[in-house]
């Protein structure tokens, strides 16, 4: 009886730790995205540079990405 109680308590603590860790990771990710959004909106004069693939532009000052310029060379043609 004591062994099943110990196993149950350890299992619940482990599950609570996993759920808590996942929650903290989500909060840290959302906070990072919020600060990135604030930093990109504070950039008044974007200095656009093309990426190596030539598919989109990225600001050298804040890291903001623009829309895709050209489709990737290995992508299949779009069907209209």
N, C-alpha and C. Protein backbone atom coordinates (compact mmCIF):
# COMPACT_ATOMS: atom_id res chain seq x y z
N UNK A 1 0.82 -1.18 0.00
CA UNK A 1 0.00 0.00 0.00
C UNK A 1 0.87 1.25 0.00
N UNK A 2 1.94 1.25 0.78
CA UNK A 2 2.83 2.41 0.86
C UNK A 2 3.56 2.58 -0.46
N UNK A 3 3.95 1.48 -1.09
CA UNK A 3 4.67 1.54 -2.36
C UNK A 3 3.81 2.17 -3.45
N UNK A 4 2.53 1.83 -3.50
CA UNK A 4 1.65 2.42 -4.52
C UNK A 4 1.45 3.92 -4.26
N UNK A 5 1.40 4.32 -2.98
CA UNK A 5 1.28 5.74 -2.65
C UNK A 5 2.54 6.50 -3.08
N UNK A 6 3.69 5.92 -2.85
CA UNK A 6 4.96 6.56 -3.24
C UNK A 6 5.04 6.67 -4.76
N UNK A 7 4.67 5.61 -5.45
CA UNK A 7 4.70 5.63 -6.91
C UNK A 7 3.73 6.68 -7.44
N UNK A 8 2.55 6.78 -6.86
CA UNK A 8 1.56 7.77 -7.28
C UNK A 8 2.07 9.19 -7.05
N UNK A 9 2.64 9.45 -5.89
CA UNK A 9 3.15 10.78 -5.57
C UNK A 9 4.30 11.15 -6.50
N UNK A 10 5.22 10.24 -6.73
CA UNK A 10 6.36 10.51 -7.62
C UNK A 10 5.85 10.75 -9.04
N UNK A 11 4.89 9.97 -9.49
CA UNK A 11 4.33 10.16 -10.83
C UNK A 11 3.66 11.51 -10.97
N UNK A 12 2.87 11.90 -9.97
CA UNK A 12 2.19 13.20 -10.02
C UNK A 12 3.18 14.36 -9.97
N UNK A 13 4.22 14.24 -9.14
CA UNK A 13 5.25 15.28 -9.09
C UNK A 13 6.00 15.39 -10.42
N UNK A 14 6.30 14.27 -11.03
CA UNK A 14 6.98 14.28 -12.32
C UNK A 14 6.10 14.91 -13.38
N UNK A 15 4.83 14.55 -13.40
CA UNK A 15 3.90 15.12 -14.37
C UNK A 15 3.74 16.62 -14.15
N UNK A 16 3.64 17.03 -12.89
CA UNK A 16 3.55 18.46 -12.58
C UNK A 16 4.80 19.21 -13.01
N UNK A 17 5.96 18.60 -12.82
CA UNK A 17 7.21 19.23 -13.25
C UNK A 17 7.27 19.39 -14.75
N UNK A 18 6.83 18.39 -15.48
CA UNK A 18 6.84 18.45 -16.95
C UNK A 18 5.88 19.53 -17.44
N UNK A 19 4.69 19.58 -16.85
CA UNK A 19 3.71 20.60 -17.25
C UNK A 19 4.21 22.00 -16.88
N UNK A 20 4.80 22.13 -15.71
CA UNK A 20 5.34 23.43 -15.30
C UNK A 20 6.48 23.88 -16.20
N UNK A 21 7.37 22.98 -16.56
CA UNK A 21 8.48 23.31 -17.45
C UNK A 21 7.97 23.71 -18.83
N UNK A 22 6.98 23.02 -19.33
CA UNK A 22 6.40 23.37 -20.63
C UNK A 22 5.76 24.75 -20.58
N UNK A 23 5.10 25.06 -19.48
CA UNK A 23 4.50 26.39 -19.31
C UNK A 23 5.55 27.49 -19.27
N UNK A 24 6.64 27.27 -18.54
CA UNK A 24 7.70 28.27 -18.48
C UNK A 24 8.38 28.44 -19.83
N UNK A 25 8.58 27.36 -20.56
CA UNK A 25 9.18 27.47 -21.89
C UNK A 25 8.28 28.28 -22.81
N UNK A 26 6.98 28.08 -22.73
CA UNK A 26 6.05 28.85 -23.55
C UNK A 26 6.08 30.33 -23.18
N UNK A 27 6.12 30.62 -21.88
CA UNK A 27 6.19 32.01 -21.44
C UNK A 27 7.47 32.68 -21.91
N UNK A 28 8.61 31.98 -21.83
CA UNK A 28 9.87 32.54 -22.29
C UNK A 28 9.84 32.79 -23.79
N UNK A 29 9.24 31.86 -24.55
CA UNK A 29 9.16 32.03 -26.00
C UNK A 29 8.27 33.21 -26.36
N UNK A 30 7.12 33.34 -25.69
CA UNK A 30 6.23 34.48 -25.95
C UNK A 30 6.90 35.80 -25.58
N UNK A 31 7.65 35.82 -24.48
CA UNK A 31 8.36 37.03 -24.08
C UNK A 31 9.43 37.39 -25.11
N UNK A 32 10.13 36.40 -25.61
CA UNK A 32 11.14 36.64 -26.65
C UNK A 32 10.48 37.20 -27.92
N UNK A 33 9.36 36.63 -28.32
CA UNK A 33 8.66 37.13 -29.51
C UNK A 33 8.16 38.55 -29.31
N UNK A 34 7.69 38.85 -28.09
CA UNK A 34 7.20 40.21 -27.81
C UNK A 34 8.34 41.21 -27.90
N UNK A 35 9.51 40.90 -27.32
CA UNK A 35 10.65 41.82 -27.39
C UNK A 35 11.17 41.95 -28.81
N UNK A 36 11.14 40.87 -29.57
CA UNK A 36 11.56 40.95 -30.97
C UNK A 36 10.61 41.85 -31.76
N UNK A 37 9.32 41.75 -31.50
CA UNK A 37 8.33 42.60 -32.16
C UNK A 37 8.56 44.07 -31.81
N UNK A 38 8.82 44.36 -30.53
CA UNK A 38 9.08 45.73 -30.10
C UNK A 38 10.35 46.26 -30.76
N UNK A 39 11.41 45.45 -30.81
CA UNK A 39 12.67 45.88 -31.41
C UNK A 39 12.49 46.15 -32.90
N UNK A 40 11.74 45.31 -33.59
CA UNK A 40 11.54 45.50 -35.02
C UNK A 40 10.67 46.72 -35.31
N UNK A 41 9.69 47.00 -34.47
CA UNK A 41 8.86 48.19 -34.66
C UNK A 41 9.62 49.47 -34.33
N UNK A 42 10.63 49.39 -33.47
CA UNK A 42 11.42 50.57 -33.13
C UNK A 42 12.41 50.92 -34.23
N UNK A 43 12.69 50.00 -35.13
CA UNK A 43 13.63 50.24 -36.23
C UNK A 43 12.93 51.13 -37.26
N UNK A 44 13.35 52.38 -37.35
CA UNK A 44 12.69 53.33 -38.24
C UNK A 44 13.19 53.21 -39.68
N UNK A 45 14.46 52.97 -39.88
CA UNK A 45 15.05 52.92 -41.22
C UNK A 45 15.62 51.53 -41.44
N UNK A 46 14.86 50.69 -42.09
CA UNK A 46 15.33 49.33 -42.36
C UNK A 46 16.43 49.36 -43.41
N UNK A 47 17.46 48.60 -43.18
CA UNK A 47 18.55 48.44 -44.14
C UNK A 47 18.42 47.02 -44.69
N UNK A 48 17.70 46.89 -45.82
CA UNK A 48 17.35 45.59 -46.37
C UNK A 48 18.53 44.96 -47.09
N UNK A 49 18.72 43.65 -46.84
CA UNK A 49 19.73 42.84 -47.52
C UNK A 49 19.08 41.54 -47.94
N UNK A 50 19.52 40.99 -49.07
CA UNK A 50 18.96 39.72 -49.52
C UNK A 50 19.63 38.58 -48.76
N UNK A 51 18.88 37.53 -48.54
CA UNK A 51 19.44 36.33 -47.93
C UNK A 51 20.26 35.57 -48.96
N UNK A 52 21.01 34.57 -48.50
CA UNK A 52 21.87 33.81 -49.39
C UNK A 52 21.07 33.14 -50.51
N UNK A 53 19.87 32.68 -50.19
CA UNK A 53 19.06 31.99 -51.18
C UNK A 53 18.44 32.97 -52.17
N UNK A 54 18.39 34.25 -51.82
CA UNK A 54 17.77 35.25 -52.68
C UNK A 54 16.26 35.17 -52.70
N UNK A 55 15.67 34.55 -51.69
CA UNK A 55 14.23 34.37 -51.68
C UNK A 55 13.51 35.45 -50.88
N UNK A 56 14.19 36.13 -49.97
CA UNK A 56 13.55 37.17 -49.19
C UNK A 56 14.59 38.18 -48.73
N UNK A 57 14.10 39.27 -48.13
CA UNK A 57 14.97 40.32 -47.60
C UNK A 57 14.96 40.28 -46.09
N UNK A 58 16.06 40.72 -45.49
CA UNK A 58 16.15 40.80 -44.04
C UNK A 58 16.82 42.13 -43.70
N UNK A 59 16.33 42.79 -42.65
CA UNK A 59 16.90 44.07 -42.21
C UNK A 59 18.19 43.77 -41.45
N UNK A 60 19.26 44.47 -41.82
CA UNK A 60 20.55 44.28 -41.15
C UNK A 60 20.55 44.87 -39.75
N UNK A 61 19.64 45.79 -39.45
CA UNK A 61 19.61 46.45 -38.15
C UNK A 61 18.79 45.69 -37.11
N UNK A 62 17.59 45.23 -37.51
CA UNK A 62 16.70 44.63 -36.52
C UNK A 62 16.37 43.16 -36.79
N UNK A 63 16.69 42.64 -37.96
CA UNK A 63 16.44 41.24 -38.27
C UNK A 63 15.05 40.95 -38.81
N UNK A 64 14.28 42.00 -39.09
CA UNK A 64 12.92 41.79 -39.61
C UNK A 64 13.01 41.21 -41.01
N UNK A 65 12.14 40.23 -41.29
CA UNK A 65 12.12 39.59 -42.61
C UNK A 65 10.95 40.11 -43.43
N UNK A 66 11.20 40.25 -44.72
CA UNK A 66 10.14 40.69 -45.62
C UNK A 66 9.45 39.46 -46.21
N UNK A 67 8.52 39.71 -47.08
CA UNK A 67 7.85 38.60 -47.75
C UNK A 67 8.81 37.93 -48.72
N UNK A 68 8.42 36.78 -49.24
CA UNK A 68 9.26 36.06 -50.20
C UNK A 68 9.32 36.82 -51.51
N UNK A 69 10.52 36.95 -52.05
CA UNK A 69 10.70 37.63 -53.33
C UNK A 69 10.48 36.67 -54.49
N UNK A 70 11.19 35.58 -54.46
CA UNK A 70 11.12 34.58 -55.52
C UNK A 70 10.90 33.22 -54.88
N UNK A 71 10.23 32.32 -55.58
CA UNK A 71 10.09 30.97 -55.01
C UNK A 71 11.45 30.28 -54.97
N UNK A 72 11.59 29.38 -54.05
CA UNK A 72 12.84 28.61 -53.94
C UNK A 72 13.06 27.84 -55.23
N UNK A 73 14.31 27.69 -55.68
CA UNK A 73 14.56 27.03 -56.96
C UNK A 73 14.14 25.58 -57.01
N UNK A 74 14.11 24.89 -55.88
CA UNK A 74 13.74 23.48 -55.88
C UNK A 74 12.25 23.25 -55.56
N UNK A 75 11.48 24.34 -55.44
CA UNK A 75 10.06 24.16 -55.11
C UNK A 75 9.29 23.82 -56.37
N UNK A 76 8.22 23.02 -56.23
CA UNK A 76 7.42 22.65 -57.40
C UNK A 76 6.63 23.85 -57.92
N UNK A 77 6.33 23.89 -59.20
CA UNK A 77 5.55 25.01 -59.73
C UNK A 77 4.13 25.00 -59.15
N UNK A 78 3.60 26.21 -58.95
CA UNK A 78 2.26 26.32 -58.39
C UNK A 78 1.22 26.04 -59.47
N UNK A 79 0.14 25.41 -59.07
CA UNK A 79 -0.94 25.08 -59.99
C UNK A 79 -2.01 26.15 -59.85
N UNK A 80 -2.43 26.75 -60.95
CA UNK A 80 -3.45 27.79 -60.90
C UNK A 80 -4.81 27.17 -61.02
